[in-house]
C-alpha atoms as a PDB file:
ATOM      1  CA  MET A   1     230.903  78.545 238.565  1.00  0.00           C
ATOM      2  CA  VAL A   2     228.005  76.332 237.993  1.00  0.00           C
ATOM      3  CA  THR A   3     228.816  74.836 234.530  1.00  0.00           C
ATOM      4  CA  GLY A   4     226.472  75.434 231.969  1.00  0.00           C
ATOM      5  CA  VAL A   5     226.065  78.617 233.651  1.00  0.00           C
ATOM      6  CA  ILE A   6     228.103  81.980 232.012  1.00  0.00           C
ATOM      7  CA  ASP A   7     229.595  84.339 234.544  1.00  0.00           C
ATOM      8  CA  VAL A   8     228.649  87.791 233.468  1.00  0.00           C
ATOM      9  CA  THR A   9     230.804  91.057 234.505  1.00  0.00           C
ATOM     10  CA  ASP A  10     230.286  95.105 234.271  1.00  0.00           C
ATOM     11  CA  GLU A  11     232.134  94.793 231.014  1.00  0.00           C
ATOM     12  CA  ASN A  12     230.916  92.024 229.228  1.00  0.00           C
ATOM     13  CA  PHE A  13     226.982  92.280 230.521  1.00  0.00           C
ATOM     14  CA  GLU A  14     225.490  94.593 227.743  1.00  0.00           C
ATOM     15  CA  ALA A  15     227.283  92.117 225.283  1.00  0.00           C
ATOM     16  CA  GLU A  16     225.549  88.547 227.032  1.00  0.00           C
ATOM     17  CA  VAL A  17     222.782  90.063 228.580  1.00  0.00           C
ATOM     18  CA  ILE A  18     221.508  92.942 226.930  1.00  0.00           C
ATOM     19  CA  GLY A  19     222.388  91.802 223.504  1.00  0.00           C
ATOM     20  CA  ALA A  20     221.157  88.040 223.722  1.00  0.00           C
ATOM     21  CA  ASP A  21     218.285  86.499 221.484  1.00  0.00           C
ATOM     22  CA  LEU A  22     217.136  84.917 223.990  1.00  0.00           C
ATOM     23  CA  PRO A  23     215.741  85.763 227.268  1.00  0.00           C
ATOM     24  CA  VAL A  24     218.315  85.540 230.040  1.00  0.00           C
ATOM     25  CA  LEU A  25     217.968  84.669 233.390  1.00  0.00           C
ATOM     26  CA  VAL A  26     220.345  86.731 235.411  1.00  0.00           C
ATOM     27  CA  GLU A  27     221.587  85.286 239.028  1.00  0.00           C
ATOM     28  CA  PHE A  28     222.869  88.719 241.277  1.00  0.00           C
ATOM     29  CA  THR A  29     224.905  86.463 243.802  1.00  0.00           C
ATOM     30  CA  ALA A  30     227.965  86.298 246.231  1.00  0.00           C
ATOM     31  CA  ASP A  31     230.036  84.113 247.296  1.00  0.00           C
ATOM     32  CA  TRP A  32     229.300  84.679 251.202  1.00  0.00           C
ATOM     33  CA  CYS A  33     225.474  83.530 250.524  1.00  0.00           C
ATOM     34  CA  PRO A  34     224.379  80.107 251.699  1.00  0.00           C
ATOM     35  CA  PRO A  35     220.862  80.423 249.451  1.00  0.00           C
ATOM     36  CA  CYS A  36     223.174  81.581 246.414  1.00  0.00           C
ATOM     37  CA  ARG A  37     225.386  78.332 247.082  1.00  0.00           C
ATOM     38  CA  GLN A  38     222.250  76.402 247.033  1.00  0.00           C
ATOM     39  CA  MET A  39     220.905  77.252 243.937  1.00  0.00           C
ATOM     40  CA  GLY A  40     224.295  76.238 241.632  1.00  0.00           C
ATOM     41  CA  PRO A  41     222.503  72.614 241.183  1.00  0.00           C
ATOM     42  CA  VAL A  42     219.116  74.147 239.915  1.00  0.00           C
ATOM     43  CA  LEU A  43     220.695  76.710 237.289  1.00  0.00           C
ATOM     44  CA  LYS A  44     222.862  74.481 236.228  1.00  0.00           C
ATOM     45  CA  ALA A  45     219.831  71.834 235.934  1.00  0.00           C
ATOM     46  CA  LEU A  46     218.307  74.394 233.757  1.00  0.00           C
ATOM     47  CA  ALA A  47     220.474  75.508 232.176  1.00  0.00           C
ATOM     48  CA  SER A  48     221.020  72.098 231.052  1.00  0.00           C
ATOM     49  CA  GLU A  49     217.327  70.907 230.047  1.00  0.00           C
ATOM     50  CA  GLU A  50     216.106  74.300 228.925  1.00  0.00           C
ATOM     51  CA  GLY A  51     219.203  76.006 227.097  1.00  0.00           C
ATOM     52  CA  ASP A  52     217.762  76.642 223.810  1.00  0.00           C
ATOM     53  CA  ARG A  53     215.043  78.589 225.231  1.00  0.00           C
ATOM     54  CA  LEU A  54     216.809  80.536 228.232  1.00  0.00           C
ATOM     55  CA  LYS A  55     220.645  81.753 228.728  1.00  0.00           C
ATOM     56  CA  VAL A  56     221.662  81.550 232.432  1.00  0.00           C
ATOM     57  CA  VAL A  57     224.172  83.797 233.787  1.00  0.00           C
ATOM     58  CA  GLN A  58     225.276  84.483 237.018  1.00  0.00           C
ATOM     59  CA  LEU A  59     226.923  87.859 237.914  1.00  0.00           C
ATOM     60  CA  ASP A  60     229.131  88.031 241.798  1.00  0.00           C
ATOM     61  CA  VAL A  61     227.628  91.600 243.489  1.00  0.00           C
ATOM     62  CA  ASP A  62     230.842  91.866 245.390  1.00  0.00           C
ATOM     63  CA  SER A  63     232.806  92.419 241.768  1.00  0.00           C
ATOM     64  CA  ASN A  64     230.622  93.957 240.209  1.00  0.00           C
ATOM     65  CA  PRO A  65     228.696  96.880 241.466  1.00  0.00           C
ATOM     66  CA  GLU A  66     227.666  98.975 238.507  1.00  0.00           C
ATOM     67  CA  THR A  67     225.365  96.637 237.309  1.00  0.00           C
ATOM     68  CA  THR A  68     224.186  95.673 240.250  1.00  0.00           C
ATOM     69  CA  ASN A  69     223.370  99.176 241.214  1.00  0.00           C
ATOM     70  CA  ALA A  70     222.191 100.046 238.003  1.00  0.00           C
ATOM     71  CA  TYR A  71     219.529  97.135 238.966  1.00  0.00           C
ATOM     72  CA  LYS A  72     218.638  98.277 242.900  1.00  0.00           C
ATOM     73  CA  VAL A  73     219.890  94.729 243.714  1.00  0.00           C
ATOM     74  CA  LEU A  74     219.786  94.999 247.120  1.00  0.00           C
ATOM     75  CA  SER A  75     219.055  91.008 248.342  1.00  0.00           C
ATOM     76  CA  MET A  76     220.912  87.859 247.418  1.00  0.00           C
ATOM     77  CA  PRO A  77     220.142  86.543 245.634  1.00  0.00           C
ATOM     78  CA  THR A  78     217.949  88.099 242.762  1.00  0.00           C
ATOM     79  CA  PHE A  79     216.536  86.597 239.826  1.00  0.00           C
ATOM     80  CA  MET A  80     216.329  88.829 236.445  1.00  0.00           C
ATOM     81  CA  VAL A  81     214.899  87.575 233.554  1.00  0.00           C
ATOM     82  CA  PHE A  82     215.911  89.966 230.419  1.00  0.00           C
ATOM     83  CA  ARG A  83     213.771  89.688 227.425  1.00  0.00           C
ATOM     84  CA  ALA A  84     214.877  91.818 224.440  1.00  0.00           C
ATOM     85  CA  GLY A  85     217.432  93.784 226.370  1.00  0.00           C
ATOM     86  CA  GLU A  86     214.641  94.891 229.248  1.00  0.00           C
ATOM     87  CA  PRO A  87     214.457  93.406 232.578  1.00  0.00           C
ATOM     88  CA  VAL A  88     210.873  91.945 232.391  1.00  0.00           C
ATOM     89  CA  LYS A  89     210.294  90.009 235.674  1.00  0.00           C
ATOM     90  CA  SER A  90     212.619  90.154 238.638  1.00  0.00           C
ATOM     91  CA  MET A  91     212.145  87.605 241.974  1.00  0.00           C
ATOM     92  CA  VAL A  92     214.476  87.415 245.307  1.00  0.00           C
ATOM     93  CA  GLY A  93     215.306  84.487 247.181  1.00  0.00           C
ATOM     94  CA  ALA A  94     216.383  80.636 246.819  1.00  0.00           C
ATOM     95  CA  ARG A  95     213.382  78.359 245.188  1.00  0.00           C
ATOM     96  CA  ALA A  96     212.800  75.070 243.904  1.00  0.00           C
ATOM     97  CA  LYS A  97     213.761  74.538 240.337  1.00  0.00           C
ATOM     98  CA  ARG A  98     209.767  73.285 240.284  1.00  0.00           C
ATOM     99  CA  ARG A  99     208.731  76.958 241.270  1.00  0.00           C
ATOM    100  CA  LEU A 100     211.064  78.426 239.127  1.00  0.00           C
ATOM    101  CA  LEU A 101     210.628  77.155 236.116  1.00  0.00           C
ATOM    102  CA  GLU A 102     206.199  77.576 237.093  1.00  0.00           C
ATOM    103  CA  GLU A 103     207.681  81.878 237.532  1.00  0.00           C
ATOM    104  CA  LEU A 104     209.682  81.912 234.408  1.00  0.00           C
ATOM    105  CA  ALA A 105     206.382  80.119 232.466  1.00  0.00           C
ATOM    106  CA  ASP A 106     205.549  83.456 231.731  1.00  0.00           C
ATOM    107  CA  VAL A 107     208.877  84.870 230.167  1.00  0.00           C
ATOM    108  CA  VAL A 108     210.173  82.231 228.546  1.00  0.00           C
END
């Protein structure tokens, strides 16, 4: 688990993501995925810098097939932004923090 980044599961996805007051960035990740591991420091920095405007969470696709299948996630890492319980943006693949912030600018 990355510090400042909350691990979510099929069981608590509704409470942590759908019911969140802030926009939520969900990283669909897997232990066996090198680009996912690369994103750890980026997500940690994002969580600490943007924590007042954006909640950052991770969901392990292998342990949580229900949520993974519900949102038709096929590639790792996949990032989805949820606002008011709805997915409003989806991005696939690792990216630099600057680029991720640029891509999030219109939804945060």
